[in-house]
Every structure is written in structure tokens, then in C-alpha cells.
Amino acid sequence: MGIYDREYARRDGGRGSAPGRRVARVSALSVNTWLIIVNVAIHLLANTVLYPWLYEVGHFSTKMGFQQLEVWRLVSFQFLHSSSTIWHLFFNMFGLFVFGGLVEQYLGRKKYLAFYLVCGIFGGLAYLLLNLLGQIPGLALPGVLFNNPATWLVGASAGVFGVIMACAFIAPDTIVQLIFPPIPLRMKWFAYGYVALAAVNLLAGGANAGGDAAHLGGAAAGYFFIRNSHLLRDFFDVMKDSRREGGAPRPSRHRRSDDEVGRVLAKVRQEGLGSLTEREKRILQRETEAKRSGR
């Protein structure tokens, strides 16, 4: 049993804590669930009362996102899906449903949302790079280099690819049961194979070159940031730099150690195990040894 599974590690959220119960009600839905809900809701709005305006202001393209400097489109395109078929939305949300929870549990709520959006942003940047290369006269590269700067990019696929790559790192030997073909496959081989298919399709000149480039960009970001998740800490910080928290003065020796342990445990619940510094890990280790010795 790990130190985070012990009773003292759950004491702040116990039944005797009224604030803990309030937080539990507010946090009943995971960030991953909210992402699915928001994507579905936006799809319904984009194809009914807000059609076609939402697509026009939310899609990403080289012309609007780069040349016109409408940088919000690197985020907004991730919540729009093809209006011509429901399957684009369905498969992306199914991927989040199957794989997203594991990554959120590993990173924590806030860092998971940052991770997902960053993977999508890198997908948009990879799409942009492919389009810019396609506009260089005489440039000969494998595959299709589309040269229309007004070509749209929409969809959550880049973020989903990043999530799948994260799963390959977190639980590489977990068995994934494929639907077609109906065979079991280790998570790492499933993830890397999925990315390889996108790369082959891009190099072979598939019809969805821009989408495949976005998939590869999201996968590359997922591979990198799941191994360097500390870089996600400041994604939502506007008025402060959370990295300074690690350099704050040490608490007075007269302060009770329980305060320190409580702070670290609160951080685990909010940001996940991967957010802990070496000093914070030592604090929990000392608490574990104290519990074992009966102190």
C-alpha cells in the first residue's frame, strides 16, 4: 500500500469535514466528463441556433489564425466538429471517455485540462507548419502539402492523440481490446501504432493531410508533456507564477508538521502525484515512517 492510500492521507476529505463534502459535490464531474459535455453541447449549438457563425469564428486556418492573428482559434477549433457527420464527434468523445480518465487521475484536474489543451494547440501548430510548407514554391516533400491558407481545421483529435500517448506512458502494459480487428493489444503498441498510421497516411498523400498533421502534433506534445508535466503548472496562471511557490521560505520550526502534510495532500488531490517536488515527497515519507512507528 502506498503512502497516499493510508487513512491519514484521506483525513481532510472524511465524513466529518463539512468543507470536504461541499467540494465533493462541486467536483462530482471530472474534467474529462466536462470536456465531453462541452464538446457535445457546442456541436449541438454550432449545428442549430449558431450555425454557421460558430464555425466561422471558431475554426482554425492559416489565414485566420496566423495571418489575421486570431490566436484564440488554436483553442476554439478543438471544440468544433464536422457538421456533415456525427462520427467525427462520436469517435473523438469515445476516445476521451476510454482514455481520458486515466490521464486525469495521473495529472490531477487542473494539469489534465492544461495537458489536453496544449496537445490540441500543438496539433494546430503542426497543421499550420504543413500549410506553410505547402506554400513554398518548388518544395518537394513526401505526401500532400496543401497550399490553401483558408482550409479549415476543426476537431478534438489532436488532444485525443495526446491523451492516448500519455496512456502509453502511464500504463504501457494495460491491455486494450480492439473492436476491429477483435484482438487484445498492449496500450503502448496501440498508441504507437495509431500514431504510425497517421504518419503513413500523411506521407502517402492521404485526403486528410492537415488532420493527420494535427494528429501527429498532438501526439508529439502528449509524448513530451506527460514526461515533463511540471511545465503545465503555469498554463492557467495570469496574475502569478506558481513556480515561485517552490522557492517560498520554509515554515517556522514552531509550525506543526501536520500543516505541512495537509498542504501537500491538498496539492496531490488538486494537481496529482506528478506535481510533487522532491521536498514534498520527503514530507510524506517522514509522515509515513512516523505512522508506522506509532509516533
C-alpha atoms as a PDB file:
ATOM      1  CA  MET A   1       0.000   0.000   0.000  1.00  0.00           C
ATOM      2  CA  GLY A   2       1.368   3.405  -0.963  1.00  0.00           C
ATOM      3  CA  ILE A   3       1.547   6.350   1.393  1.00  0.00           C
ATOM      4  CA  TYR A   4      -1.271   8.081  -0.483  1.00  0.00           C
ATOM      5  CA  ASP A   5      -3.669   5.194   0.245  1.00  0.00           C
ATOM      6  CA  ARG A   6      -3.346   5.434   4.018  1.00  0.00           C
ATOM      7  CA  GLU A   7      -6.098   6.750   6.233  1.00  0.00           C
ATOM      8  CA  TYR A   8      -4.206   9.905   7.193  1.00  0.00           C
ATOM      9  CA  ALA A   9      -3.906  10.750   3.506  1.00  0.00           C
ATOM     10  CA  ARG A  10      -7.698  10.958   3.284  1.00  0.00           C
ATOM     11  CA  ARG A  11      -8.428  12.709   6.539  1.00  0.00           C
ATOM     12  CA  ASP A  12      -9.203  16.146   5.053  1.00  0.00           C
ATOM     13  CA  GLY A  13     -11.963  14.703   2.899  1.00  0.00           C
ATOM     14  CA  GLY A  14     -13.505  12.483   5.549  1.00  0.00           C
ATOM     15  CA  ARG A  15     -17.130  12.402   6.537  1.00  0.00           C
ATOM     16  CA  GLY A  16     -16.515  14.648   9.470  1.00  0.00           C
ATOM     17  CA  SER A  17     -15.446  17.528   7.248  1.00  0.00           C
ATOM     18  CA  ALA A  18     -18.243  19.755   6.024  1.00  0.00           C
ATOM     19  CA  PRO A  19     -15.966  21.645   3.598  1.00  0.00           C
ATOM     20  CA  GLY A  20     -14.866  18.311   2.140  1.00  0.00           C
ATOM     21  CA  ARG A  21     -18.481  17.404   1.406  1.00  0.00           C
ATOM     22  CA  ARG A  22     -19.082  20.712  -0.359  1.00  0.00           C
ATOM     23  CA  VAL A  23     -16.007  20.238  -2.543  1.00  0.00           C
ATOM     24  CA  ALA A  24     -17.089  16.684  -3.368  1.00  0.00           C
ATOM     25  CA  ARG A  25     -20.449  17.923  -4.642  1.00  0.00           C
ATOM     26  CA  VAL A  26     -18.866  20.633  -6.784  1.00  0.00           C
ATOM     27  CA  SER A  27     -16.243  18.232  -8.146  1.00  0.00           C
ATOM     28  CA  ALA A  28     -18.618  15.342  -8.781  1.00  0.00           C
ATOM     29  CA  LEU A  29     -17.936  15.505 -12.513  1.00  0.00           C
ATOM     30  CA  SER A  30     -14.366  15.042 -13.675  1.00  0.00           C
ATOM     31  CA  VAL A  31     -12.682  17.467 -16.060  1.00  0.00           C
ATOM     32  CA  ASN A  32     -12.738  14.706 -18.655  1.00  0.00           C
ATOM     33  CA  THR A  33     -16.511  14.381 -18.311  1.00  0.00           C
ATOM     34  CA  TRP A  34     -16.903  18.142 -18.608  1.00  0.00           C
ATOM     35  CA  LEU A  35     -14.816  18.131 -21.797  1.00  0.00           C
ATOM     36  CA  ILE A  36     -17.173  15.576 -23.328  1.00  0.00           C
ATOM     37  CA  ILE A  37     -20.257  17.527 -22.218  1.00  0.00           C
ATOM     38  CA  VAL A  38     -18.911  20.832 -23.557  1.00  0.00           C
ATOM     39  CA  ASN A  39     -17.919  19.293 -26.896  1.00  0.00           C
ATOM     40  CA  VAL A  40     -21.355  17.752 -27.371  1.00  0.00           C
ATOM     41  CA  ALA A  41     -23.136  20.953 -26.316  1.00  0.00           C
ATOM     42  CA  ILE A  42     -21.071  23.110 -28.669  1.00  0.00           C
ATOM     43  CA  HIS A  43     -21.685  20.675 -31.519  1.00  0.00           C
ATOM     44  CA  LEU A  44     -25.432  20.961 -30.983  1.00  0.00           C
ATOM     45  CA  LEU A  45     -25.287  24.757 -30.846  1.00  0.00           C
ATOM     46  CA  ALA A  46     -22.961  25.007 -33.836  1.00  0.00           C
ATOM     47  CA  ASN A  47     -25.361  22.980 -35.960  1.00  0.00           C
ATOM     48  CA  THR A  48     -28.607  24.625 -34.856  1.00  0.00           C
ATOM     49  CA  VAL A  49     -29.072  28.141 -33.496  1.00  0.00           C
ATOM     50  CA  LEU A  50     -25.454  29.267 -34.032  1.00  0.00           C
ATOM     51  CA  TYR A  51     -24.904  27.728 -37.465  1.00  0.00           C
ATOM     52  CA  PRO A  52     -22.752  28.725 -39.346  1.00  0.00           C
ATOM     53  CA  TRP A  53     -21.476  31.615 -37.186  1.00  0.00           C
ATOM     54  CA  LEU A  54     -19.775  29.410 -34.590  1.00  0.00           C
ATOM     55  CA  TYR A  55     -17.815  27.567 -37.266  1.00  0.00           C
ATOM     56  CA  GLU A  56     -16.793  30.824 -38.895  1.00  0.00           C
ATOM     57  CA  VAL A  57     -15.397  32.387 -35.701  1.00  0.00           C
ATOM     58  CA  GLY A  58     -14.072  29.173 -34.152  1.00  0.00           C
ATOM     59  CA  HIS A  59     -12.288  27.163 -36.852  1.00  0.00           C
ATOM     60  CA  PHE A  60      -8.528  27.355 -37.251  1.00  0.00           C
ATOM     61  CA  SER A  61      -6.834  28.145 -40.541  1.00  0.00           C
ATOM     62  CA  THR A  62      -3.548  29.694 -41.608  1.00  0.00           C
ATOM     63  CA  LYS A  63      -5.402  32.725 -42.933  1.00  0.00           C
ATOM     64  CA  MET A  64      -7.454  33.463 -39.813  1.00  0.00           C
ATOM     65  CA  GLY A  65      -5.298  32.025 -37.046  1.00  0.00           C
ATOM     66  CA  PHE A  66      -1.900  33.093 -38.348  1.00  0.00           C
ATOM     67  CA  GLN A  67      -2.203  35.847 -40.929  1.00  0.00           C
ATOM     68  CA  GLN A  68      -5.046  37.615 -39.090  1.00  0.00           C
ATOM     69  CA  LEU A  69      -3.500  36.858 -35.647  1.00  0.00           C
ATOM     70  CA  GLU A  70      -6.781  35.455 -34.266  1.00  0.00           C
ATOM     71  CA  VAL A  71      -4.857  33.223 -31.899  1.00  0.00           C
ATOM     72  CA  TRP A  72      -7.886  32.112 -29.877  1.00  0.00           C
ATOM     73  CA  ARG A  73      -8.672  29.791 -32.758  1.00  0.00           C
ATOM     74  CA  LEU A  74      -5.870  27.467 -31.580  1.00  0.00           C
ATOM     75  CA  VAL A  75      -8.199  26.613 -28.687  1.00  0.00           C
ATOM     76  CA  SER A  76     -11.675  27.125 -30.155  1.00  0.00           C
ATOM     77  CA  PHE A  77     -11.160  24.730 -33.086  1.00  0.00           C
ATOM     78  CA  GLN A  78     -10.718  21.894 -30.600  1.00  0.00           C
ATOM     79  CA  PHE A  79     -14.385  22.125 -29.607  1.00  0.00           C
ATOM     80  CA  LEU A  80     -15.851  22.108 -33.117  1.00  0.00           C
ATOM     81  CA  HIS A  81     -16.503  19.013 -35.220  1.00  0.00           C
ATOM     82  CA  SER A  82     -17.617  18.244 -38.740  1.00  0.00           C
ATOM     83  CA  SER A  83     -21.199  19.235 -39.437  1.00  0.00           C
ATOM     84  CA  SER A  84     -21.554  16.642 -42.184  1.00  0.00           C
ATOM     85  CA  THR A  85     -21.280  13.545 -39.978  1.00  0.00           C
ATOM     86  CA  ILE A  86     -21.798  12.698 -36.310  1.00  0.00           C
ATOM     87  CA  TRP A  87     -18.989  10.138 -36.379  1.00  0.00           C
ATOM     88  CA  HIS A  88     -16.254  12.777 -36.158  1.00  0.00           C
ATOM     89  CA  LEU A  89     -17.620  13.899 -32.791  1.00  0.00           C
ATOM     90  CA  PHE A  90     -18.511  10.381 -31.636  1.00  0.00           C
ATOM     91  CA  PHE A  91     -15.079   8.806 -32.105  1.00  0.00           C
ATOM     92  CA  ASN A  92     -13.258  11.722 -30.505  1.00  0.00           C
ATOM     93  CA  MET A  93     -15.532  11.706 -27.464  1.00  0.00           C
ATOM     94  CA  PHE A  94     -15.343   7.917 -27.248  1.00  0.00           C
ATOM     95  CA  GLY A  95     -11.549   8.198 -27.180  1.00  0.00           C
ATOM     96  CA  LEU A  96     -11.750  10.738 -24.342  1.00  0.00           C
ATOM     97  CA  PHE A  97     -14.235   8.551 -22.486  1.00  0.00           C
ATOM     98  CA  VAL A  98     -11.996   5.478 -22.680  1.00  0.00           C
ATOM     99  CA  PHE A  99      -8.568   7.033 -22.119  1.00  0.00           C
ATOM    100  CA  GLY A 100      -9.007  10.463 -20.552  1.00  0.00           C
ATOM    101  CA  GLY A 101      -9.875   9.371 -17.024  1.00  0.00           C
ATOM    102  CA  LEU A 102      -6.560   7.581 -16.530  1.00  0.00           C
ATOM    103  CA  VAL A 103      -4.571  10.646 -17.574  1.00  0.00           C
ATOM    104  CA  GLU A 104      -6.640  12.971 -15.387  1.00  0.00           C
ATOM    105  CA  GLN A 105      -6.105  10.695 -12.387  1.00  0.00           C
ATOM    106  CA  TYR A 106      -2.356  10.800 -13.001  1.00  0.00           C
ATOM    107  CA  LEU A 107      -2.027  14.552 -13.603  1.00  0.00           C
ATOM    108  CA  GLY A 108      -4.821  15.986 -11.490  1.00  0.00           C
ATOM    109  CA  ARG A 109      -7.740  18.089 -12.707  1.00  0.00           C
ATOM    110  CA  LYS A 110      -6.004  21.374 -13.495  1.00  0.00           C
ATOM    111  CA  LYS A 111      -2.913  19.931 -15.156  1.00  0.00           C
ATOM    112  CA  TYR A 112      -5.001  17.463 -17.148  1.00  0.00           C
ATOM    113  CA  LEU A 113      -7.042  20.273 -18.676  1.00  0.00           C
ATOM    114  CA  ALA A 114      -3.834  22.152 -19.461  1.00  0.00           C
ATOM    115  CA  PHE A 115      -2.336  18.986 -20.967  1.00  0.00           C
ATOM    116  CA  TYR A 116      -5.361  18.369 -23.191  1.00  0.00           C
ATOM    117  CA  LEU A 117      -5.480  21.952 -24.483  1.00  0.00           C
ATOM    118  CA  VAL A 118      -1.714  22.113 -25.051  1.00  0.00           C
ATOM    119  CA  CYS A 119      -1.845  18.930 -27.143  1.00  0.00           C
ATOM    120  CA  GLY A 120      -4.617  20.481 -29.218  1.00  0.00           C
ATOM    121  CA  ILE A 121      -2.628  23.700 -29.640  1.00  0.00           C
ATOM    122  CA  PHE A 122       0.414  21.782 -30.845  1.00  0.00           C
ATOM    123  CA  GLY A 123      -1.851  19.951 -33.263  1.00  0.00           C
ATOM    124  CA  GLY A 124      -2.934  23.297 -34.695  1.00  0.00           C
ATOM    125  CA  LEU A 125       0.694  24.426 -34.954  1.00  0.00           C
ATOM    126  CA  ALA A 126       1.657  21.234 -36.811  1.00  0.00           C
ATOM    127  CA  TYR A 127      -1.233  21.842 -39.201  1.00  0.00           C
ATOM    128  CA  LEU A 128       0.000  25.420 -39.671  1.00  0.00           C
ATOM    129  CA  LEU A 129       3.551  24.245 -40.398  1.00  0.00           C
ATOM    130  CA  LEU A 130       2.349  21.795 -43.045  1.00  0.00           C
ATOM    131  CA  ASN A 131       0.267  24.511 -44.704  1.00  0.00           C
ATOM    132  CA  LEU A 132       3.162  26.997 -44.700  1.00  0.00           C
ATOM    133  CA  LEU A 133       5.468  24.388 -46.234  1.00  0.00           C
ATOM    134  CA  GLY A 134       2.859  23.767 -48.899  1.00  0.00           C
ATOM    135  CA  GLN A 135       3.046  27.405 -49.962  1.00  0.00           C
ATOM    136  CA  ILE A 136       6.798  27.335 -50.682  1.00  0.00           C
ATOM    137  CA  PRO A 137       7.219  27.194 -54.477  1.00  0.00           C
ATOM    138  CA  GLY A 138       9.071  24.146 -55.741  1.00  0.00           C
ATOM    139  CA  LEU A 139       9.284  22.417 -52.362  1.00  0.00           C
ATOM    140  CA  ALA A 140       9.087  18.649 -52.859  1.00  0.00           C
ATOM    141  CA  LEU A 141       8.317  16.563 -49.778  1.00  0.00           C
ATOM    142  CA  PRO A 142       6.575  13.207 -49.366  1.00  0.00           C
ATOM    143  CA  GLY A 143       2.827  13.319 -49.107  1.00  0.00           C
ATOM    144  CA  VAL A 144       0.377  16.116 -49.649  1.00  0.00           C
ATOM    145  CA  LEU A 145       1.358  19.688 -48.800  1.00  0.00           C
ATOM    146  CA  PHE A 146      -1.898  21.616 -49.082  1.00  0.00           C
ATOM    147  CA  ASN A 147      -1.376  25.243 -50.066  1.00  0.00           C
ATOM    148  CA  ASN A 148      -4.735  26.852 -49.379  1.00  0.00           C
ATOM    149  CA  PRO A 149      -4.384  29.101 -46.292  1.00  0.00           C
ATOM    150  CA  ALA A 150      -8.167  29.238 -45.881  1.00  0.00           C
ATOM    151  CA  THR A 151      -8.549  25.467 -45.349  1.00  0.00           C
ATOM    152  CA  TRP A 152     -10.359  24.806 -42.068  1.00  0.00           C
ATOM    153  CA  LEU A 153      -9.189  22.683 -39.172  1.00  0.00           C
ATOM    154  CA  VAL A 154     -11.750  21.544 -36.586  1.00  0.00           C
ATOM    155  CA  GLY A 155     -11.921  18.682 -34.102  1.00  0.00           C
ATOM    156  CA  ALA A 156     -10.579  17.347 -30.827  1.00  0.00           C
ATOM    157  CA  SER A 157      -8.413  14.678 -32.453  1.00  0.00           C
ATOM    158  CA  ALA A 158      -5.081  16.319 -31.619  1.00  0.00           C
ATOM    159  CA  GLY A 159      -5.956  16.441 -27.913  1.00  0.00           C
ATOM    160  CA  VAL A 160      -7.212  12.850 -28.016  1.00  0.00           C
ATOM    161  CA  PHE A 161      -3.981  11.680 -29.670  1.00  0.00           C
ATOM    162  CA  GLY A 162      -2.043  13.393 -26.887  1.00  0.00           C
ATOM    163  CA  VAL A 163      -4.177  11.629 -24.270  1.00  0.00           C
ATOM    164  CA  ILE A 164      -3.581   8.244 -25.889  1.00  0.00           C
ATOM    165  CA  MET A 165       0.168   8.852 -25.945  1.00  0.00           C
ATOM    166  CA  ALA A 166       0.003   9.771 -22.261  1.00  0.00           C
ATOM    167  CA  CYS A 167      -1.723   6.454 -21.514  1.00  0.00           C
ATOM    168  CA  ALA A 168       1.114   4.629 -23.245  1.00  0.00           C
ATOM    169  CA  PHE A 169       3.471   6.226 -20.719  1.00  0.00           C
ATOM    170  CA  ILE A 170       1.283   5.831 -17.626  1.00  0.00           C
ATOM    171  CA  ALA A 171       0.098   2.255 -18.220  1.00  0.00           C
ATOM    172  CA  PRO A 172       2.110   0.824 -21.136  1.00  0.00           C
ATOM    173  CA  ASP A 173       1.211  -2.808 -20.471  1.00  0.00           C
ATOM    174  CA  THR A 174      -2.515  -2.344 -19.916  1.00  0.00           C
ATOM    175  CA  ILE A 175      -4.466  -4.498 -22.373  1.00  0.00           C
ATOM    176  CA  VAL A 176      -6.732  -2.694 -24.843  1.00  0.00           C
ATOM    177  CA  GLN A 177      -9.415  -4.809 -26.530  1.00  0.00           C
ATOM    178  CA  LEU A 178      -9.782  -3.671 -30.112  1.00  0.00           C
ATOM    179  CA  ILE A 179     -13.155  -3.766 -31.811  1.00  0.00           C
ATOM    180  CA  PHE A 180     -11.768  -4.226 -35.305  1.00  0.00           C
ATOM    181  CA  PRO A 181      -9.810  -6.373 -35.584  1.00  0.00           C
ATOM    182  CA  PRO A 182     -11.110  -8.020 -32.373  1.00  0.00           C
ATOM    183  CA  ILE A 183      -7.741  -8.622 -30.719  1.00  0.00           C
ATOM    184  CA  PRO A 184      -6.157  -7.590 -27.407  1.00  0.00           C
ATOM    185  CA  LEU A 185      -3.199  -5.219 -27.615  1.00  0.00           C
ATOM    186  CA  ARG A 186      -0.902  -3.585 -25.084  1.00  0.00           C
ATOM    187  CA  MET A 187      -1.552   0.106 -24.592  1.00  0.00           C
ATOM    188  CA  LYS A 188       1.878   1.185 -25.802  1.00  0.00           C
ATOM    189  CA  TRP A 189       1.557  -0.738 -29.061  1.00  0.00           C
ATOM    190  CA  PHE A 190      -1.948   0.535 -29.593  1.00  0.00           C
ATOM    191  CA  ALA A 191      -0.831   4.161 -29.102  1.00  0.00           C
ATOM    192  CA  TYR A 192       2.316   3.957 -31.198  1.00  0.00           C
ATOM    193  CA  GLY A 193       0.512   2.015 -33.905  1.00  0.00           C
ATOM    194  CA  TYR A 194      -2.242   4.627 -34.015  1.00  0.00           C
ATOM    195  CA  VAL A 195       0.324   7.392 -34.465  1.00  0.00           C
ATOM    196  CA  ALA A 196       2.192   5.368 -37.097  1.00  0.00           C
ATOM    197  CA  LEU A 197      -1.000   5.034 -39.136  1.00  0.00           C
ATOM    198  CA  ALA A 198      -1.451   8.804 -39.113  1.00  0.00           C
ATOM    199  CA  ALA A 199       2.182   9.283 -40.205  1.00  0.00           C
ATOM    200  CA  VAL A 200       1.858   6.744 -43.016  1.00  0.00           C
ATOM    201  CA  ASN A 201      -1.362   8.324 -44.210  1.00  0.00           C
ATOM    202  CA  LEU A 202       0.283  11.759 -44.245  1.00  0.00           C
ATOM    203  CA  LEU A 203       3.385  10.603 -46.125  1.00  0.00           C
ATOM    204  CA  ALA A 204       1.302   8.544 -48.553  1.00  0.00           C
ATOM    205  CA  GLY A 205      -0.716  11.598 -49.554  1.00  0.00           C
ATOM    206  CA  GLY A 206      -3.988  10.808 -47.812  1.00  0.00           C
ATOM    207  CA  ALA A 207      -7.012  13.014 -48.281  1.00  0.00           C
ATOM    208  CA  ASN A 208      -6.815  14.410 -44.733  1.00  0.00           C
ATOM    209  CA  ALA A 209      -3.229  15.692 -44.722  1.00  0.00           C
ATOM    210  CA  GLY A 210      -3.992  18.652 -42.458  1.00  0.00           C
ATOM    211  CA  GLY A 211      -5.849  16.476 -39.968  1.00  0.00           C
ATOM    212  CA  ASP A 212      -3.052  13.909 -39.909  1.00  0.00           C
ATOM    213  CA  ALA A 213      -0.506  16.655 -39.281  1.00  0.00           C
ATOM    214  CA  ALA A 214      -2.620  17.845 -36.334  1.00  0.00           C
ATOM    215  CA  HIS A 215      -2.806  14.288 -35.010  1.00  0.00           C
ATOM    216  CA  LEU A 216       0.975  13.971 -35.103  1.00  0.00           C
ATOM    217  CA  GLY A 217       1.435  17.363 -33.466  1.00  0.00           C
ATOM    218  CA  GLY A 218      -0.913  16.405 -30.636  1.00  0.00           C
ATOM    219  CA  ALA A 219       0.791  13.046 -30.206  1.00  0.00           C
ATOM    220  CA  ALA A 220       4.248  14.641 -30.052  1.00  0.00           C
ATOM    221  CA  ALA A 221       3.040  17.112 -27.430  1.00  0.00           C
ATOM    222  CA  GLY A 222       1.447  14.302 -25.428  1.00  0.00           C
ATOM    223  CA  TYR A 223       4.673  12.295 -25.509  1.00  0.00           C
ATOM    224  CA  PHE A 224       6.689  15.264 -24.265  1.00  0.00           C
ATOM    225  CA  PHE A 225       4.395  16.846 -21.680  1.00  0.00           C
ATOM    226  CA  ILE A 226       3.397  13.648 -19.896  1.00  0.00           C
ATOM    227  CA  ARG A 227       7.113  13.220 -19.176  1.00  0.00           C
ATOM    228  CA  ASN A 228       7.539  16.886 -18.244  1.00  0.00           C
ATOM    229  CA  SER A 229       4.211  17.654 -16.603  1.00  0.00           C
ATOM    230  CA  HIS A 230       5.751  20.291 -14.323  1.00  0.00           C
ATOM    231  CA  LEU A 231       5.797  22.581 -17.365  1.00  0.00           C
ATOM    232  CA  LEU A 232       1.986  22.615 -17.297  1.00  0.00           C
ATOM    233  CA  ARG A 233       1.752  24.249 -13.872  1.00  0.00           C
ATOM    234  CA  ASP A 234       1.575  27.821 -15.137  1.00  0.00           C
ATOM    235  CA  PHE A 235      -0.774  27.272 -18.070  1.00  0.00           C
ATOM    236  CA  PHE A 236      -3.714  28.976 -16.348  1.00  0.00           C
ATOM    237  CA  ASP A 237      -1.684  31.451 -14.262  1.00  0.00           C
ATOM    238  CA  VAL A 238      -2.332  35.012 -15.359  1.00  0.00           C
ATOM    239  CA  MET A 239      -1.596  37.138 -12.289  1.00  0.00           C
ATOM    240  CA  LYS A 240       1.049  34.954 -10.665  1.00  0.00           C
ATOM    241  CA  ASP A 241       3.820  32.475 -11.355  1.00  0.00           C
ATOM    242  CA  SER A 242       3.190  29.247  -9.449  1.00  0.00           C
ATOM    243  CA  ARG A 243       6.830  28.202  -9.870  1.00  0.00           C
ATOM    244  CA  ARG A 244       7.695  30.693  -7.162  1.00  0.00           C
ATOM    245  CA  GLU A 245       5.797  28.585  -4.678  1.00  0.00           C
ATOM    246  CA  GLY A 246       8.669  26.116  -4.594  1.00  0.00           C
ATOM    247  CA  GLY A 247      11.036  28.902  -3.571  1.00  0.00           C
ATOM    248  CA  ALA A 248       8.939  30.235  -0.718  1.00  0.00           C
ATOM    249  CA  PRO A 249      10.657  30.448   2.705  1.00  0.00           C
ATOM    250  CA  ARG A 250      10.441  27.345   4.798  1.00  0.00           C
ATOM    251  CA  PRO A 251       7.816  27.484   7.524  1.00  0.00           C
ATOM    252  CA  SER A 252       8.901  28.224  11.057  1.00  0.00           C
ATOM    253  CA  ARG A 253      10.076  25.224  13.025  1.00  0.00           C
ATOM    254  CA  HIS A 254       7.375  26.045  15.553  1.00  0.00           C
ATOM    255  CA  ARG A 255       4.634  25.359  12.997  1.00  0.00           C
ATOM    256  CA  ARG A 256       3.075  21.937  13.344  1.00  0.00           C
ATOM    257  CA  SER A 257       4.159  19.358  10.779  1.00  0.00           C
ATOM    258  CA  ASP A 258       0.502  18.495  10.237  1.00  0.00           C
ATOM    259  CA  ASP A 259       0.076  21.808   8.449  1.00  0.00           C
ATOM    260  CA  GLU A 260       2.800  20.870   6.006  1.00  0.00           C
ATOM    261  CA  VAL A 261       1.387  17.405   5.416  1.00  0.00           C
ATOM    262  CA  GLY A 262      -2.104  18.806   4.911  1.00  0.00           C
ATOM    263  CA  ARG A 263      -0.834  21.271   2.341  1.00  0.00           C
ATOM    264  CA  VAL A 264       0.989  18.552   0.412  1.00  0.00           C
ATOM    265  CA  LEU A 265      -2.022  16.247   0.446  1.00  0.00           C
ATOM    266  CA  ALA A 266      -4.252  19.051  -0.781  1.00  0.00           C
ATOM    267  CA  LYS A 267      -1.826  19.567  -3.656  1.00  0.00           C
ATOM    268  CA  VAL A 268      -1.992  15.852  -4.516  1.00  0.00           C
ATOM    269  CA  ARG A 269      -5.783  15.989  -4.675  1.00  0.00           C
ATOM    270  CA  GLN A 270      -5.774  19.119  -6.811  1.00  0.00           C
ATOM    271  CA  GLU A 271      -2.815  18.551  -9.152  1.00  0.00           C
ATOM    272  CA  GLY A 272      -1.959  14.838  -8.949  1.00  0.00           C
ATOM    273  CA  LEU A 273       1.066  12.890  -7.733  1.00  0.00           C
ATOM    274  CA  GLY A 274       3.274  14.114 -10.540  1.00  0.00           C
ATOM    275  CA  SER A 275       3.097  17.679  -9.220  1.00  0.00           C
ATOM    276  CA  LEU A 276       5.061  16.972  -6.023  1.00  0.00           C
ATOM    277  CA  THR A 277       8.586  18.276  -5.593  1.00  0.00           C
ATOM    278  CA  GLU A 278      11.302  16.129  -4.022  1.00  0.00           C
ATOM    279  CA  ARG A 279      10.913  18.057  -0.755  1.00  0.00           C
ATOM    280  CA  GLU A 280       7.168  17.389  -0.671  1.00  0.00           C
ATOM    281  CA  LYS A 281       7.752  13.702  -1.305  1.00  0.00           C
ATOM    282  CA  ARG A 282      10.143  13.612   1.657  1.00  0.00           C
ATOM    283  CA  ILE A 283       7.487  15.248   3.845  1.00  0.00           C
ATOM    284  CA  LEU A 284       5.033  12.457   3.051  1.00  0.00           C
ATOM    285  CA  GLN A 285       7.730   9.836   3.525  1.00  0.00           C
ATOM    286  CA  ARG A 286       8.515  11.158   7.003  1.00  0.00           C
ATOM    287  CA  GLU A 287       4.822  11.133   7.875  1.00  0.00           C
ATOM    288  CA  THR A 288       4.556   7.532   6.705  1.00  0.00           C
ATOM    289  CA  GLU A 289       7.503   6.477   8.882  1.00  0.00           C
ATOM    290  CA  ALA A 290       6.014   8.331  11.844  1.00  0.00           C
ATOM    291  CA  LYS A 291       2.720   6.483  11.435  1.00  0.00           C
ATOM    292  CA  ARG A 292       4.496   3.139  11.245  1.00  0.00           C
ATOM    293  CA  SER A 293       6.462   3.808  14.418  1.00  0.00           C
ATOM    294  CA  GLY A 294       3.331   4.919  16.263  1.00  0.00           C
ATOM    295  CA  ARG A 295       4.531   8.452  16.901  1.00  0.00           C
END
